[in-house]
Amino acid sequence: MEHRTTDELTAALDEIRRSPADGGTVALIVRRPEEGEREVLEEGLLDLEQGLVGDRWSRPAAPNPETQLTLMNVRAADAIAGGPERRPLAGDQLFVDLDLSIENLPAGTRLAVGDAVVEVTPEPHTGCAKFSARFGTDALRFVNKPPGRELRLRGVNTRVVTPGAVRAGDTISKL
């Protein structure tokens, strides 16, 4: 697959900015059972200790609770990945149609997602070498430089504060 160019990514900004500030939806749930593996789920369980149950996040001896669950804007994911079929490669667990910007969701904001509640953590979620390999250096710059950083186009880290089920199509809203 050909990587998206800076011009193509920049052209998507207006559509990304149209994401709802509240009352969005969960578009996709992706579990990562092992390094490099992706399972698309219709329903997942968010747990206080494990994050998304069955995801490899909780396997290290001391997982970082500030990075338990990542949410990525589905419009940004589609722009970067070149379409929905490549979304799971980003490595995030929840792809949502919601404005994830720092202005809209400052650290400490709680979100009802399905039957669960998650809290935005201050830990930044940035593109890395794996992200660059999957989507290209233009995409890496796009998410890590302004305005991508402020819009959190790479996504946002959260932690589970109330466990519960989440399903594709569920509403995600600020509390």
Protein backbone atom coordinates (compact mmCIF):
# COMPACT_ATOMS: atom_id res chain seq x y z
CA MET A 1 0.00 0.00 0.00
CA GLU A 2 1.22 3.44 -0.88
CA HIS A 3 1.58 5.83 2.06
CA ARG A 4 -0.48 9.02 2.18
CA THR A 5 1.34 12.25 1.34
CA THR A 6 1.46 15.35 3.52
CA ASP A 7 -0.90 17.09 1.07
CA GLU A 8 -3.42 14.23 1.25
CA LEU A 9 -3.26 14.20 5.04
CA THR A 10 -3.60 17.98 5.33
CA ALA A 11 -6.62 17.88 3.01
CA ALA A 12 -8.35 15.60 5.55
CA LEU A 13 -8.06 18.08 8.44
CA ASP A 14 -11.43 19.77 7.81
CA GLU A 15 -13.23 16.41 7.90
CA ILE A 16 -11.36 15.37 11.07
CA ARG A 17 -12.28 18.68 12.72
CA ARG A 18 -15.98 17.92 12.04
CA SER A 19 -15.86 15.11 14.60
CA PRO A 20 -18.47 15.63 17.34
CA ALA A 21 -17.27 17.32 20.54
CA ASP A 22 -19.60 15.06 22.54
CA GLY A 23 -21.97 12.20 21.87
CA GLY A 24 -19.73 10.40 19.38
CA THR A 25 -19.67 6.71 18.55
CA VAL A 26 -17.34 3.76 18.87
CA ALA A 27 -16.53 2.73 15.29
CA LEU A 28 -14.11 -0.14 15.92
CA ILE A 29 -12.71 -2.23 18.79
CA VAL A 30 -9.33 -3.86 18.24
CA ARG A 31 -7.59 -6.26 20.62
CA ARG A 32 -3.85 -6.93 20.29
CA PRO A 33 -3.33 -10.43 21.73
CA GLU A 34 0.35 -10.60 20.70
CA GLU A 35 2.90 -8.25 19.14
CA GLY A 36 1.79 -7.49 15.57
CA GLU A 37 -1.56 -9.32 15.90
CA ARG A 38 -4.97 -7.63 15.67
CA GLU A 39 -8.44 -8.98 16.46
CA VAL A 40 -11.44 -6.86 15.48
CA LEU A 41 -14.19 -7.30 18.08
CA GLU A 42 -17.90 -6.55 18.02
CA GLU A 43 -17.76 -6.32 21.84
CA GLY A 44 -14.96 -6.00 24.36
CA LEU A 45 -14.74 -5.88 28.13
CA LEU A 46 -12.90 -2.97 29.76
CA ASP A 47 -11.36 -3.99 33.08
CA LEU A 48 -9.66 -1.99 35.86
CA GLU A 49 -6.56 -4.20 35.86
CA GLN A 50 -6.31 -5.42 32.27
CA GLY A 51 -7.66 -2.54 30.22
CA LEU A 52 -9.25 -4.27 27.22
CA VAL A 53 -9.50 -7.90 28.35
CA GLY A 54 -7.23 -10.10 26.24
CA ASP A 55 -5.08 -7.20 25.00
CA ARG A 56 -1.33 -7.49 25.49
CA TRP A 57 -1.10 -4.12 27.33
CA SER A 58 -1.35 -5.83 30.73
CA ARG A 59 1.34 -8.45 30.08
CA PRO A 60 4.52 -6.57 31.06
CA ALA A 61 5.59 -6.97 34.68
CA ALA A 62 4.64 -3.35 35.39
CA PRO A 63 2.30 -1.95 32.73
CA ASN A 64 1.90 1.83 32.72
CA PRO A 65 -1.62 2.62 34.02
CA GLU A 66 -1.48 5.96 32.15
CA THR A 67 -1.44 4.10 28.80
CA GLN A 68 -3.95 1.35 29.58
CA LEU A 69 -6.31 2.04 26.68
CA THR A 70 -5.82 4.21 23.60
CA LEU A 71 -8.52 5.92 21.60
CA MET A 72 -7.92 7.16 18.05
CA ASN A 73 -10.19 9.41 16.02
CA VAL A 74 -11.65 7.21 13.28
CA ARG A 75 -11.60 10.04 10.73
CA ALA A 76 -7.89 10.58 11.36
CA ALA A 77 -7.29 6.82 11.20
CA ASP A 78 -9.02 6.59 7.83
CA ALA A 79 -7.05 9.55 6.46
CA ILE A 80 -3.74 8.09 7.64
CA ALA A 81 -4.44 4.45 6.81
CA GLY A 82 -6.07 5.18 3.47
CA GLY A 83 -9.33 3.48 4.45
CA PRO A 84 -11.10 1.41 7.08
CA GLU A 85 -9.46 -1.93 6.27
CA ARG A 86 -6.05 -0.70 7.50
CA ARG A 87 -7.30 1.05 10.69
CA PRO A 88 -6.33 -1.81 13.03
CA LEU A 89 -2.65 -1.44 12.08
CA ALA A 90 -2.50 1.78 14.11
CA GLY A 91 -2.46 -0.34 17.27
CA ASP A 92 -5.14 1.51 19.22
CA GLN A 93 -7.93 -0.39 20.94
CA LEU A 94 -10.87 1.96 20.34
CA PHE A 95 -11.48 3.95 17.17
CA VAL A 96 -14.07 6.63 17.87
CA ASP A 97 -15.86 9.41 16.06
CA LEU A 98 -15.13 12.06 18.68
CA ASP A 99 -13.01 15.21 18.89
CA LEU A 100 -9.99 14.00 20.90
CA SER A 101 -8.24 17.37 20.92
CA ILE A 102 -6.50 18.68 24.03
CA GLU A 103 -8.97 21.57 24.09
CA ASN A 104 -12.03 19.28 24.01
CA LEU A 105 -10.69 16.50 26.28
CA PRO A 106 -8.12 17.82 28.76
CA ALA A 107 -6.41 15.31 31.05
CA GLY A 108 -8.85 14.16 33.73
CA THR A 109 -11.90 14.23 31.43
CA ARG A 110 -14.07 11.19 31.94
CA LEU A 111 -15.86 9.50 29.07
CA ALA A 112 -18.78 7.08 29.20
CA VAL A 113 -18.07 4.45 26.56
CA GLY A 114 -20.64 1.69 26.37
CA ASP A 115 -21.15 0.44 29.93
CA ALA A 116 -17.66 1.60 31.03
CA VAL A 117 -16.03 4.87 32.03
CA VAL A 118 -12.51 5.86 31.03
CA GLU A 119 -10.42 8.86 32.04
CA VAL A 120 -8.07 10.80 29.76
CA THR A 121 -4.53 10.68 31.18
CA PRO A 122 -1.82 13.33 30.75
CA GLU A 123 0.56 10.82 29.10
CA PRO A 124 0.92 11.91 25.44
CA HIS A 125 0.30 9.32 22.72
CA THR A 126 2.73 9.92 19.87
CA GLY A 127 3.69 8.22 16.66
CA CYS A 128 6.71 5.91 16.80
CA ALA A 129 8.94 3.91 14.44
CA LYS A 130 6.27 1.19 14.06
CA PHE A 131 3.67 3.82 13.13
CA SER A 132 6.09 5.31 10.58
CA ALA A 133 6.81 1.88 9.09
CA ARG A 134 3.09 1.16 8.70
CA PHE A 135 1.93 4.57 7.46
CA GLY A 136 5.02 6.52 6.34
CA THR A 137 7.13 9.42 7.55
CA ASP A 138 4.60 12.00 6.31
CA ALA A 139 1.96 10.43 8.58
CA LEU A 140 4.39 10.40 11.50
CA ARG A 141 5.10 14.13 11.06
CA PHE A 142 1.37 14.79 10.55
CA VAL A 143 0.43 13.37 13.97
CA ASN A 144 3.47 14.59 15.93
CA LYS A 145 3.64 18.23 14.75
CA PRO A 146 1.09 21.05 14.95
CA PRO A 147 -1.83 20.92 14.46
CA GLY A 148 -1.78 17.10 14.73
CA ARG A 149 -0.38 17.12 18.25
CA GLU A 150 -3.03 19.53 19.60
CA LEU A 151 -5.79 17.63 17.81
CA ARG A 152 -4.32 14.36 19.16
CA LEU A 153 -4.45 12.80 15.72
CA ARG A 154 -2.30 9.90 16.95
CA GLY A 155 -4.85 9.31 19.68
CA VAL A 156 -5.25 9.76 23.40
CA ASN A 157 -4.26 7.60 26.35
CA THR A 158 -6.91 6.70 28.90
CA ARG A 159 -7.36 4.45 31.91
CA VAL A 160 -10.44 2.48 32.89
CA VAL A 161 -12.20 3.88 35.98
CA THR A 162 -15.45 1.89 35.76
CA PRO A 163 -15.34 -1.53 34.11
CA GLY A 164 -17.92 -2.61 31.59
CA ALA A 165 -18.70 -3.81 28.09
CA VAL A 166 -18.16 -1.71 24.98
CA ARG A 167 -19.62 -2.52 21.59
CA ALA A 168 -19.07 -1.20 18.08
CA GLY A 169 -21.78 1.43 17.58
CA ASP A 170 -21.95 2.43 21.27
CA THR A 171 -22.11 6.10 22.19
CA ILE A 172 -19.07 7.79 23.72
CA SER A 173 -19.80 10.96 25.69
CA LYS A 174 -18.20 13.32 28.17
CA LEU A 175 -19.27 13.07 31.81
